[in-house]
Amino acid sequence: MSLEKLEALEVRVQRLVDMVQHLKQANGLLQEELGRAQERLVQQEAHSQDWEEERTHIRAKIEKVLDNLQFLETPDHELQGVTHDERY
């Protein structure tokens, strides 16, 4: 092999080594970013679960209040019997 070909090969190998190093660094950064994204996802899922539990709790309270107020929907003639029988 001639000296020129060896030098060209050396340049190409050095470029490949540089490229591999760059790709390793990029991979490391991407791995870190992925880890942070996964942590955020876990936190968001926890928040979502908290919101769902709060929503269920509020819904149960509203349903209880509506059940307690259901007597307001009773017809007037049924209420008249109650008010005549019970004097306050």
C-alpha atoms as a PDB file:
ATOM      1  CA  MET A   1       0.000   0.000   0.000  1.00  0.00           C
ATOM      2  CA  SER A   2       1.233   3.427  -0.756  1.00  0.00           C
ATOM      3  CA  LEU A   3       1.764   6.081   1.849  1.00  0.00           C
ATOM      4  CA  GLU A   4      -1.041   8.181   0.372  1.00  0.00           C
ATOM      5  CA  LYS A   5      -3.516   5.331   0.686  1.00  0.00           C
ATOM      6  CA  LEU A   6      -2.472   4.715   4.304  1.00  0.00           C
ATOM      7  CA  GLU A   7      -2.932   8.377   5.120  1.00  0.00           C
ATOM      8  CA  ALA A   8      -6.379   8.392   3.467  1.00  0.00           C
ATOM      9  CA  LEU A   9      -7.306   5.269   5.420  1.00  0.00           C
ATOM     10  CA  GLU A  10      -6.065   6.866   8.623  1.00  0.00           C
ATOM     11  CA  VAL A  11      -8.233   9.966   7.961  1.00  0.00           C
ATOM     12  CA  ARG A  12     -11.294   7.816   7.292  1.00  0.00           C
ATOM     13  CA  VAL A  13     -10.725   5.731  10.424  1.00  0.00           C
ATOM     14  CA  GLN A  14     -10.305   8.908  12.497  1.00  0.00           C
ATOM     15  CA  ARG A  15     -13.577  10.265  11.091  1.00  0.00           C
ATOM     16  CA  LEU A  16     -15.307   7.020  12.027  1.00  0.00           C
ATOM     17  CA  VAL A  17     -13.836   7.154  15.539  1.00  0.00           C
ATOM     18  CA  ASP A  18     -15.021  10.770  15.899  1.00  0.00           C
ATOM     19  CA  MET A  19     -18.457   9.812  14.620  1.00  0.00           C
ATOM     20  CA  VAL A  20     -18.735   6.916  17.080  1.00  0.00           C
ATOM     21  CA  GLN A  21     -17.707   9.183  19.966  1.00  0.00           C
ATOM     22  CA  HIS A  22     -20.259  11.770  18.900  1.00  0.00           C
ATOM     23  CA  LEU A  23     -22.975   9.122  18.631  1.00  0.00           C
ATOM     24  CA  LYS A  24     -22.102   7.793  22.102  1.00  0.00           C
ATOM     25  CA  GLN A  25     -22.395  11.292  23.570  1.00  0.00           C
ATOM     26  CA  ALA A  26     -25.694  11.887  21.776  1.00  0.00           C
ATOM     27  CA  ASN A  27     -26.959   8.520  22.989  1.00  0.00           C
ATOM     28  CA  GLY A  28     -26.023   9.403  26.572  1.00  0.00           C
ATOM     29  CA  LEU A  29     -27.879  12.712  26.348  1.00  0.00           C
ATOM     30  CA  LEU A  30     -30.910  11.016  24.847  1.00  0.00           C
ATOM     31  CA  GLN A  31     -30.863   8.372  27.595  1.00  0.00           C
ATOM     32  CA  GLU A  32     -30.843  11.116  30.237  1.00  0.00           C
ATOM     33  CA  GLU A  33     -33.678  12.945  28.502  1.00  0.00           C
ATOM     34  CA  LEU A  34     -35.659   9.725  28.257  1.00  0.00           C
ATOM     35  CA  GLY A  35     -35.140   9.092  31.969  1.00  0.00           C
ATOM     36  CA  ARG A  36     -36.411  12.571  32.826  1.00  0.00           C
ATOM     37  CA  ALA A  37     -39.408  12.111  30.536  1.00  0.00           C
ATOM     38  CA  GLN A  38     -40.242   8.789  32.193  1.00  0.00           C
ATOM     39  CA  GLU A  39     -40.044  10.428  35.634  1.00  0.00           C
ATOM     40  CA  ARG A  40     -42.407  13.182  34.470  1.00  0.00           C
ATOM     41  CA  LEU A  41     -44.776  10.561  33.100  1.00  0.00           C
ATOM     42  CA  VAL A  42     -44.860   8.749  36.443  1.00  0.00           C
ATOM     43  CA  GLN A  43     -45.562  12.047  38.226  1.00  0.00           C
ATOM     44  CA  GLN A  44     -48.330  12.932  35.756  1.00  0.00           C
ATOM     45  CA  GLU A  45     -49.905   9.514  36.209  1.00  0.00           C
ATOM     46  CA  ALA A  46     -49.874  10.036  39.985  1.00  0.00           C
ATOM     47  CA  HIS A  47     -51.474  13.463  39.578  1.00  0.00           C
ATOM     48  CA  SER A  48     -54.043  11.981  37.224  1.00  0.00           C
ATOM     49  CA  GLN A  49     -54.888   9.305  39.786  1.00  0.00           C
ATOM     50  CA  ASP A  50     -55.230  11.969  42.501  1.00  0.00           C
ATOM     51  CA  TRP A  51     -57.580  13.997  40.293  1.00  0.00           C
ATOM     52  CA  GLU A  52     -59.660  10.914  39.516  1.00  0.00           C
ATOM     53  CA  GLU A  53     -59.997  10.070  43.212  1.00  0.00           C
ATOM     54  CA  GLU A  54     -60.995  13.659  43.998  1.00  0.00           C
ATOM     55  CA  ARG A  55     -63.503  13.635  41.150  1.00  0.00           C
ATOM     56  CA  THR A  56     -65.042  10.409  42.426  1.00  0.00           C
ATOM     57  CA  HIS A  57     -65.220  11.824  45.955  1.00  0.00           C
ATOM     58  CA  ILE A  58     -66.897  15.032  44.758  1.00  0.00           C
ATOM     59  CA  ARG A  59     -69.317  13.069  42.607  1.00  0.00           C
ATOM     60  CA  ALA A  60     -70.331  10.928  45.594  1.00  0.00           C
ATOM     61  CA  LYS A  61     -70.905  14.039  47.714  1.00  0.00           C
ATOM     62  CA  ILE A  62     -73.025  15.676  45.001  1.00  0.00           C
ATOM     63  CA  GLU A  63     -75.084  12.521  44.586  1.00  0.00           C
ATOM     64  CA  LYS A  64     -75.644  12.404  48.347  1.00  0.00           C
ATOM     65  CA  VAL A  65     -76.788  16.026  48.399  1.00  0.00           C
ATOM     66  CA  LEU A  66     -79.103  15.421  45.442  1.00  0.00           C
ATOM     67  CA  ASP A  67     -80.585  12.390  47.179  1.00  0.00           C
ATOM     68  CA  ASN A  68     -81.160  14.470  50.310  1.00  0.00           C
ATOM     69  CA  LEU A  69     -82.882  17.179  48.243  1.00  0.00           C
ATOM     70  CA  GLN A  70     -85.013  14.734  46.327  1.00  0.00           C
ATOM     71  CA  PHE A  71     -87.967  15.424  48.609  1.00  0.00           C
ATOM     72  CA  LEU A  72     -88.305  18.827  46.918  1.00  0.00           C
ATOM     73  CA  GLU A  73     -89.484  17.026  43.825  1.00  0.00           C
ATOM     74  CA  THR A  74     -92.406  15.357  45.607  1.00  0.00           C
ATOM     75  CA  PRO A  75     -95.820  16.583  44.416  1.00  0.00           C
ATOM     76  CA  ASP A  76     -97.529  19.305  46.462  1.00  0.00           C
ATOM     77  CA  HIS A  77    -100.501  17.101  47.448  1.00  0.00           C
ATOM     78  CA  GLU A  78     -98.133  14.662  49.197  1.00  0.00           C
ATOM     79  CA  LEU A  79     -96.504  17.517  51.104  1.00  0.00           C
ATOM     80  CA  GLN A  80     -99.896  18.958  52.164  1.00  0.00           C
ATOM     81  CA  GLY A  81    -100.727  15.766  53.969  1.00  0.00           C
ATOM     82  CA  VAL A  82     -97.478  15.959  55.873  1.00  0.00           C
ATOM     83  CA  THR A  83     -97.906  19.616  56.829  1.00  0.00           C
ATOM     84  CA  HIS A  84    -101.489  19.105  58.022  1.00  0.00           C
ATOM     85  CA  ASP A  85    -100.554  16.116  60.137  1.00  0.00           C
ATOM     86  CA  GLU A  86     -97.463  17.639  61.646  1.00  0.00           C
ATOM     87  CA  ARG A  87     -97.636  21.129  63.068  1.00  0.00           C
ATOM     88  CA  TYR A  88     -94.397  22.900  63.723  1.00  0.00           C
END
